[in-house]
């Protein structure tokens, strides 16, 4: 005689199966094969400098200056990268004994003082562990017109300071684990266009272009559109410029901002134009605030945060805030815009500014654009 399941058992089985379905829905992965060329090593001032084409040096001052290679992977629509794994690594030793130069201290371009040599970090240079201990890092998810892109760093060279040995990675397999993300889904729903130009941009950068078919194609080429944002005092000049642009084949529209608009108000106008008019370019016609005369016509910039040599600046003038539209640049709400992990470096629109404070400066700036 068959035993029938009790209501409690049935509920538990249903819950278990539901969990399996949910896990299958949220768990995903993307992968790619990586290859690296043999690095070039030259001796400079008693140290060895290691370079690889198209690689950069990123690290703490005093740490060994070893090249880092950026890896871009396309993610499924609406997903974010949560972890990465490098496997099947093949390492090749370089003959010789090496002492790697340290990463220099960052300095401002305007700093006129002589460059002071950076001392090697004794905890690394005096130790016996291979550096770096892990060959990957800095995994992030970015959005570009709705495309979800993961970026990370691979350090394909490692050094043993005790033995002076140097190895480089010739090839490896990389796998990223992904999961649906609220921000990523919102970015896809709100900003995805599927235009040919952005698709080609993504195909030229990612290591897994075979994932592009996951994004709907909308290859009908539409005319490029420019938005001119200005204040009411400059509307006449902005209208004349828009007419000139339209006669040259670029659809151009003008929107007036209020002089007391905050940066987020200006950005909201740009987002609305992106959604409603499919704009590609933005021209900000007007200077930012004049610190000596608050009555000057203004289009406020968004001051961004940065720290260099233990000095912090939270008001770096920047208009990238008006170009990269799918994040808010201040996730933790502390008023420091563009802190690490909060900035967005992949723009949806191209932004330029004519930093004019009066009608004469506007006319001169726009005339230069026409002549160019």
Protein backbone atom coordinates (compact mmCIF):
# COMPACT_ATOMS: atom_id res chain seq x y z
CA UNK A 1 0.00 0.00 0.00
CA UNK A 2 1.45 3.34 -1.00
CA UNK A 3 1.87 5.96 1.71
CA UNK A 4 0.56 9.41 0.81
CA UNK A 5 2.60 12.47 1.73
CA UNK A 6 1.42 14.63 4.56
CA UNK A 7 0.67 18.33 3.93
CA UNK A 8 3.83 19.27 5.85
CA UNK A 9 6.01 16.94 3.77
CA UNK A 10 4.46 18.25 0.57
CA UNK A 11 5.12 21.82 1.63
CA UNK A 12 8.76 21.03 2.46
CA UNK A 13 9.31 19.29 -0.87
CA UNK A 14 7.72 22.21 -2.74
CA UNK A 15 9.90 24.70 -0.86
CA UNK A 16 13.03 22.67 -1.61
CA UNK A 17 12.21 22.49 -5.32
CA UNK A 18 11.46 26.22 -5.36
CA UNK A 19 14.87 26.94 -3.84
CA UNK A 20 16.55 24.86 -6.53
CA UNK A 21 14.68 26.78 -9.22
CA UNK A 22 15.63 30.13 -7.65
CA UNK A 23 19.30 29.13 -7.36
CA UNK A 24 19.34 28.02 -10.98
CA UNK A 25 17.80 31.36 -11.98
CA UNK A 26 20.25 33.53 -10.06
CA UNK A 27 23.46 31.58 -10.59
CA UNK A 28 25.32 32.27 -13.82
CA UNK A 29 28.81 32.49 -15.15
CA UNK A 30 30.81 33.86 -18.05
CA UNK A 31 34.30 32.83 -19.03
CA UNK A 32 37.13 33.53 -21.42
CA UNK A 33 40.65 32.40 -22.32
CA UNK A 34 43.56 34.74 -21.62
CA UNK A 35 47.05 34.83 -23.10
CA UNK A 36 49.95 37.12 -22.21
CA UNK A 37 53.22 37.96 -24.00
CA UNK A 38 56.64 37.71 -22.41
CA UNK A 39 57.37 40.91 -20.48
CA UNK A 40 60.23 43.25 -21.24
CA UNK A 41 62.71 43.81 -18.40
CA UNK A 42 65.26 46.66 -18.29
CA UNK A 43 67.59 47.70 -15.48
CA UNK A 44 67.29 51.28 -14.24
CA UNK A 45 69.21 52.73 -11.26
CA UNK A 46 69.79 49.35 -9.65
CA UNK A 47 66.21 48.16 -10.07
CA UNK A 48 64.42 46.21 -12.80
CA UNK A 49 61.46 47.71 -14.64
CA UNK A 50 58.95 45.18 -16.01
CA UNK A 51 56.56 46.14 -18.80
CA UNK A 52 53.94 44.43 -20.96
CA UNK A 53 52.23 46.09 -23.95
CA UNK A 54 48.90 47.73 -23.05
CA UNK A 55 49.45 47.06 -19.34
CA UNK A 56 49.74 49.61 -16.54
CA UNK A 57 51.24 49.69 -13.06
CA UNK A 58 48.70 49.98 -10.25
CA UNK A 59 49.71 49.50 -6.64
CA UNK A 60 50.52 51.06 -3.31
CA UNK A 61 53.62 53.28 -3.14
CA UNK A 62 56.65 51.19 -2.22
CA UNK A 63 55.19 47.93 -3.50
CA UNK A 64 56.89 46.18 -6.45
CA UNK A 65 55.86 47.88 -9.72
CA UNK A 66 54.51 44.95 -11.71
CA UNK A 67 52.22 45.29 -14.74
CA UNK A 68 48.45 44.88 -14.47
CA UNK A 69 46.29 43.95 -17.45
CA UNK A 70 42.66 45.03 -17.58
CA UNK A 71 40.15 42.37 -18.59
CA UNK A 72 36.66 43.27 -19.83
CA UNK A 73 33.84 40.72 -19.92
CA UNK A 74 30.30 41.26 -21.14
CA UNK A 75 27.66 40.07 -18.68
CA UNK A 76 24.10 38.91 -19.38
CA UNK A 77 21.56 41.78 -19.37
CA UNK A 78 20.67 42.91 -15.87
CA UNK A 79 23.41 40.92 -14.13
CA UNK A 80 26.47 41.83 -12.07
CA UNK A 81 29.73 40.01 -11.36
CA UNK A 82 30.13 38.70 -7.81
CA UNK A 83 33.36 36.66 -7.93
CA UNK A 84 36.11 35.53 -10.29
CA UNK A 85 38.35 32.53 -10.61
CA UNK A 86 41.54 32.00 -12.58
CA UNK A 87 42.40 28.39 -13.39
CA UNK A 88 44.62 26.31 -15.65
CA UNK A 89 47.37 28.91 -15.25
CA UNK A 90 50.64 28.28 -17.09
CA UNK A 91 53.69 30.12 -15.70
CA UNK A 92 57.07 30.56 -17.38
CA UNK A 93 60.28 31.50 -15.53
CA UNK A 94 62.60 34.23 -16.79
CA UNK A 95 66.34 33.56 -16.41
CA UNK A 96 68.29 35.82 -14.06
CA UNK A 97 68.00 37.48 -10.68
CA UNK A 98 65.80 40.55 -10.36
CA UNK A 99 65.04 43.41 -7.96
CA UNK A 100 61.81 45.12 -9.03
CA UNK A 101 61.53 48.90 -8.79
CA UNK A 102 58.93 50.20 -6.30
CA UNK A 103 55.74 52.00 -7.22
CA UNK A 104 56.41 55.77 -6.85
CA UNK A 105 54.37 58.09 -4.69
CA UNK A 106 51.57 59.81 -6.65
CA UNK A 107 52.08 63.51 -7.26
CA UNK A 108 50.09 66.38 -8.62
CA UNK A 109 51.01 67.56 -12.10
CA UNK A 110 51.35 71.06 -10.69
CA UNK A 111 53.88 70.00 -8.02
CA UNK A 112 57.17 71.77 -8.92
CA UNK A 113 59.30 70.02 -6.28
CA UNK A 114 61.93 67.45 -7.34
CA UNK A 115 60.85 63.83 -7.50
CA UNK A 116 61.94 62.03 -4.34
CA UNK A 117 62.72 58.32 -4.78
CA UNK A 118 60.18 56.05 -3.12
CA UNK A 119 61.60 53.58 -0.63
CA UNK A 120 60.70 49.90 -1.12
CA UNK A 121 58.18 48.45 1.32
CA UNK A 122 60.34 46.35 3.71
CA UNK A 123 57.44 44.00 4.51
CA UNK A 124 57.47 42.90 0.86
CA UNK A 125 61.10 43.35 -0.21
CA UNK A 126 62.39 41.76 3.00
CA UNK A 127 59.97 38.86 2.96
CA UNK A 128 60.07 35.45 1.36
CA UNK A 129 56.57 35.33 -0.13
CA UNK A 130 55.80 35.59 -3.82
CA UNK A 131 54.35 38.96 -4.83
CA UNK A 132 51.56 39.38 -5.64
CA UNK A 133 49.98 36.62 -3.59
CA UNK A 134 46.92 36.58 -5.88
CA UNK A 135 47.05 37.26 -9.64
CA UNK A 136 43.60 38.92 -9.85
CA UNK A 137 41.76 41.80 -8.22
CA UNK A 138 39.55 44.88 -8.55
CA UNK A 139 36.42 43.16 -9.86
CA UNK A 140 33.72 45.71 -10.72
CA UNK A 141 30.52 45.87 -12.75
CA UNK A 142 29.86 48.88 -14.98
CA UNK A 143 27.00 49.94 -17.23
CA UNK A 144 27.31 51.49 -20.67
CA UNK A 145 24.00 52.36 -22.32
CA UNK A 146 22.44 49.32 -20.68
CA UNK A 147 25.28 46.90 -21.39
CA UNK A 148 26.56 45.25 -18.19
CA UNK A 149 30.34 44.97 -18.25
CA UNK A 150 32.66 43.42 -15.70
CA UNK A 151 36.20 44.72 -15.39
CA UNK A 152 39.04 43.28 -13.36
CA UNK A 153 42.81 43.28 -13.19
CA UNK A 154 45.09 40.36 -13.91
CA UNK A 155 48.70 40.56 -12.71
CA UNK A 156 50.51 38.17 -15.07
CA UNK A 157 53.96 38.66 -13.52
CA UNK A 158 55.05 37.51 -10.06
CA UNK A 159 58.32 38.02 -8.18
CA UNK A 160 59.99 36.23 -5.30
CA UNK A 161 62.02 38.91 -3.45
CA UNK A 162 64.03 36.39 -1.43
CA UNK A 163 65.21 34.44 -4.47
CA UNK A 164 65.00 37.23 -7.03
CA UNK A 165 63.08 34.99 -9.43
CA UNK A 166 60.57 36.35 -11.93
CA UNK A 167 57.76 34.43 -13.64
CA UNK A 168 55.06 35.41 -16.10
CA UNK A 169 51.74 33.82 -16.96
CA UNK A 170 51.49 32.66 -20.56
CA UNK A 171 47.83 31.65 -20.48
CA UNK A 172 44.87 30.98 -18.17
CA UNK A 173 41.11 30.48 -18.10
CA UNK A 174 38.95 33.06 -16.31
CA UNK A 175 35.44 32.47 -14.99
CA UNK A 176 33.14 35.05 -13.41
CA UNK A 177 30.14 34.16 -11.29
CA UNK A 178 27.15 36.46 -11.91
CA UNK A 179 23.83 37.21 -10.27
CA UNK A 180 20.90 39.50 -11.14
CA UNK A 181 21.43 43.05 -9.90
CA UNK A 182 18.78 45.67 -9.20
CA UNK A 183 20.94 48.53 -10.47
CA UNK A 184 22.00 46.54 -13.53
CA UNK A 185 18.42 45.62 -14.43
CA UNK A 186 17.30 49.22 -13.97
CA UNK A 187 20.18 50.37 -16.17
CA UNK A 188 19.15 47.93 -18.89
CA UNK A 189 15.46 48.82 -18.68
CA UNK A 190 16.08 52.56 -18.70
CA UNK A 191 19.18 53.15 -20.81
CA UNK A 192 19.53 50.27 -23.27
CA UNK A 193 19.32 51.25 -26.94
CA UNK A 194 20.96 48.43 -28.86
CA UNK A 195 22.36 50.86 -31.42
CA UNK A 196 25.06 49.72 -33.80
CA UNK A 197 27.72 52.15 -32.57
CA UNK A 198 27.51 51.02 -28.93
CA UNK A 199 27.41 47.35 -29.96
CA UNK A 200 30.59 47.83 -31.99
CA UNK A 201 32.18 49.68 -29.06
CA UNK A 202 31.44 46.72 -26.76
CA UNK A 203 32.55 44.11 -29.31
CA UNK A 204 35.94 45.82 -29.68
CA UNK A 205 36.65 45.74 -25.93
CA UNK A 206 35.27 42.61 -24.31
CA UNK A 207 37.00 39.23 -24.26
CA UNK A 208 33.72 37.39 -24.85
CA UNK A 209 31.87 39.07 -27.74
CA UNK A 210 29.98 35.82 -28.32
CA UNK A 211 27.61 36.99 -25.53
CA UNK A 212 26.44 40.02 -27.55
CA UNK A 213 23.42 38.16 -29.03
CA UNK A 214 21.93 38.18 -25.52
CA UNK A 215 21.29 41.90 -26.10
CA UNK A 216 18.51 42.74 -28.60
CA UNK A 217 19.71 44.21 -31.87
CA UNK A 218 18.26 47.52 -33.00
CA UNK A 219 20.51 48.30 -35.91
CA UNK A 220 18.40 50.94 -37.60
CA UNK A 221 20.71 53.95 -37.68
CA UNK A 222 19.06 57.04 -36.29
CA UNK A 223 20.42 60.57 -36.75
CA UNK A 224 22.63 61.74 -33.91
CA UNK A 225 21.01 64.25 -31.58
CA UNK A 226 22.56 67.08 -29.56
CA UNK A 227 21.09 68.77 -26.52
CA UNK A 228 22.17 72.33 -25.69
CA UNK A 229 21.61 73.15 -22.03
CA UNK A 230 21.90 76.78 -21.04
CA UNK A 231 20.32 79.53 -18.96
CA UNK A 232 17.67 81.97 -20.14
CA UNK A 233 20.18 84.80 -20.62
CA UNK A 234 21.89 82.78 -23.38
CA UNK A 235 18.82 81.33 -25.14
CA UNK A 236 19.14 83.59 -28.20
CA UNK A 237 22.74 82.51 -28.86
CA UNK A 238 21.87 78.87 -28.11
CA UNK A 239 18.99 78.98 -30.61
CA UNK A 240 21.23 80.40 -33.35
CA UNK A 241 23.78 77.68 -32.69
CA UNK A 242 21.08 74.96 -32.78
CA UNK A 243 19.84 76.30 -36.14
CA UNK A 244 23.38 76.15 -37.52
CA UNK A 245 23.80 72.57 -36.26
CA UNK A 246 20.47 71.49 -37.73
CA UNK A 247 21.40 72.83 -41.17
CA UNK A 248 24.56 70.69 -41.01
CA UNK A 249 22.60 67.49 -40.43
CA UNK A 250 22.65 67.08 -36.66
CA UNK A 251 19.31 67.39 -34.94
CA UNK A 252 19.83 69.88 -32.11
CA UNK A 253 17.45 71.07 -29.44
CA UNK A 254 17.79 73.68 -26.70
CA UNK A 255 16.59 73.46 -23.10
CA UNK A 256 16.79 76.29 -20.58
CA UNK A 257 17.85 75.62 -17.00
CA UNK A 258 17.11 77.80 -14.03
CA UNK A 259 20.05 79.71 -12.66
CA UNK A 260 19.57 78.10 -9.25
CA UNK A 261 19.40 74.53 -10.58
CA UNK A 262 21.50 72.09 -8.59
CA UNK A 263 23.77 69.63 -10.45
CA UNK A 264 21.26 66.82 -9.93
CA UNK A 265 18.55 68.99 -11.56
CA UNK A 266 20.75 69.52 -14.60
CA UNK A 267 21.52 65.81 -14.75
CA UNK A 268 17.82 64.93 -14.52
CA UNK A 269 17.16 67.12 -17.56
CA UNK A 270 19.86 65.27 -19.47
CA UNK A 271 18.43 61.88 -18.47
CA UNK A 272 14.96 62.96 -19.60
CA UNK A 273 16.37 64.06 -22.95
CA UNK A 274 18.24 60.76 -23.28
CA UNK A 275 15.01 58.83 -22.73
CA UNK A 276 12.68 61.04 -24.75
CA UNK A 277 14.90 62.44 -27.52
CA UNK A 278 17.63 59.75 -27.77
CA UNK A 279 20.38 62.35 -27.44
CA UNK A 280 24.03 61.48 -28.06
CA UNK A 281 25.75 64.78 -27.23
CA UNK A 282 25.28 67.50 -24.63
CA UNK A 283 26.66 71.03 -24.82
CA UNK A 284 26.61 72.93 -21.53
CA UNK A 285 26.48 76.57 -22.53
CA UNK A 286 27.55 78.57 -19.51
CA UNK A 287 30.24 78.72 -16.86
CA UNK A 288 30.09 77.11 -13.47
CA UNK A 289 29.80 79.21 -10.33
CA UNK A 290 32.09 82.22 -10.09
CA UNK A 291 33.37 82.09 -6.51
CA UNK A 292 33.97 85.85 -6.53
CA UNK A 293 30.56 86.81 -7.92
CA UNK A 294 27.59 84.52 -7.26
CA UNK A 295 25.44 86.71 -9.52
CA UNK A 296 27.24 85.55 -12.67
CA UNK A 297 25.24 83.22 -14.96
CA UNK A 298 26.04 79.65 -13.98
CA UNK A 299 25.53 75.98 -14.83
CA UNK A 300 26.88 74.31 -11.72
CA UNK A 301 29.41 71.51 -11.98
CA UNK A 302 29.37 68.48 -9.72
CA UNK A 303 32.46 68.58 -7.53
CA UNK A 304 34.06 65.13 -7.31
CA UNK A 305 36.11 63.59 -4.50
CA UNK A 306 39.77 62.59 -4.70
CA UNK A 307 42.71 61.91 -2.38
CA UNK A 308 46.35 62.33 -3.43
CA UNK A 309 49.32 62.26 -1.06
CA UNK A 310 47.00 62.26 1.97
CA UNK A 311 45.35 65.43 0.70
CA UNK A 312 41.62 65.29 0.05
CA UNK A 313 39.65 67.44 -2.39
CA UNK A 314 35.88 67.03 -2.55
CA UNK A 315 35.21 69.67 -5.19
CA UNK A 316 37.16 68.76 -8.32
CA UNK A 317 35.26 70.46 -11.18
CA UNK A 318 33.99 67.73 -13.52
CA UNK A 319 31.22 67.25 -16.05
CA UNK A 320 31.55 63.46 -16.27
CA UNK A 321 28.71 63.41 -13.73
CA UNK A 322 26.46 64.72 -16.51
CA UNK A 323 27.69 62.13 -19.03
CA UNK A 324 27.54 58.86 -17.05
CA UNK A 325 23.86 58.62 -16.18
CA UNK A 326 23.07 55.22 -14.67
CA UNK A 327 24.48 55.69 -11.14
CA UNK A 328 24.04 58.46 -8.58
CA UNK A 329 27.76 58.83 -7.71
CA UNK A 330 27.07 58.94 -3.95
CA UNK A 331 25.76 55.53 -2.95
CA UNK A 332 26.45 55.99 0.77
CA UNK A 333 24.91 59.47 0.88
CA UNK A 334 27.84 61.13 2.67
CA UNK A 335 28.08 64.05 0.25
CA UNK A 336 31.44 62.95 -1.20
CA UNK A 337 30.68 62.40 -4.88
CA UNK A 338 32.71 59.90 -6.87
CA UNK A 339 34.42 58.02 -4.06
CA UNK A 340 36.00 54.64 -4.92
CA UNK A 341 33.26 52.25 -5.97
CA UNK A 342 30.73 55.06 -6.51
CA UNK A 343 32.01 56.69 -9.68
CA UNK A 344 30.85 55.77 -13.18
CA UNK A 345 33.47 56.06 -15.93
CA UNK A 346 31.37 54.75 -18.84
CA UNK A 347 29.38 57.60 -20.33
CA UNK A 348 25.99 57.34 -22.01
CA UNK A 349 26.41 60.73 -23.72
CA UNK A 350 29.35 62.90 -24.73
CA UNK A 351 29.44 66.18 -22.82
CA UNK A 352 31.25 69.40 -23.61
CA UNK A 353 31.05 72.86 -22.10
CA UNK A 354 31.52 76.43 -23.27
CA UNK A 355 32.54 78.05 -19.96
CA UNK A 356 31.08 81.47 -20.70
CA UNK A 357 30.01 83.99 -18.10
CA UNK A 358 28.36 86.58 -20.33
CA UNK A 359 26.86 86.98 -23.80
CA UNK A 360 30.13 88.14 -25.36
CA UNK A 361 31.97 85.07 -24.08
CA UNK A 362 29.15 82.83 -25.34
CA UNK A 363 29.35 84.32 -28.84
CA UNK A 364 33.14 84.01 -28.95
CA UNK A 365 33.01 80.39 -27.76
CA UNK A 366 30.35 79.33 -30.24
CA UNK A 367 32.12 81.12 -33.08
CA UNK A 368 35.25 79.10 -32.32
CA UNK A 369 33.17 75.91 -32.55
CA UNK A 370 31.76 76.97 -35.92
CA UNK A 371 35.16 77.88 -37.30
CA UNK A 372 36.67 74.60 -36.12
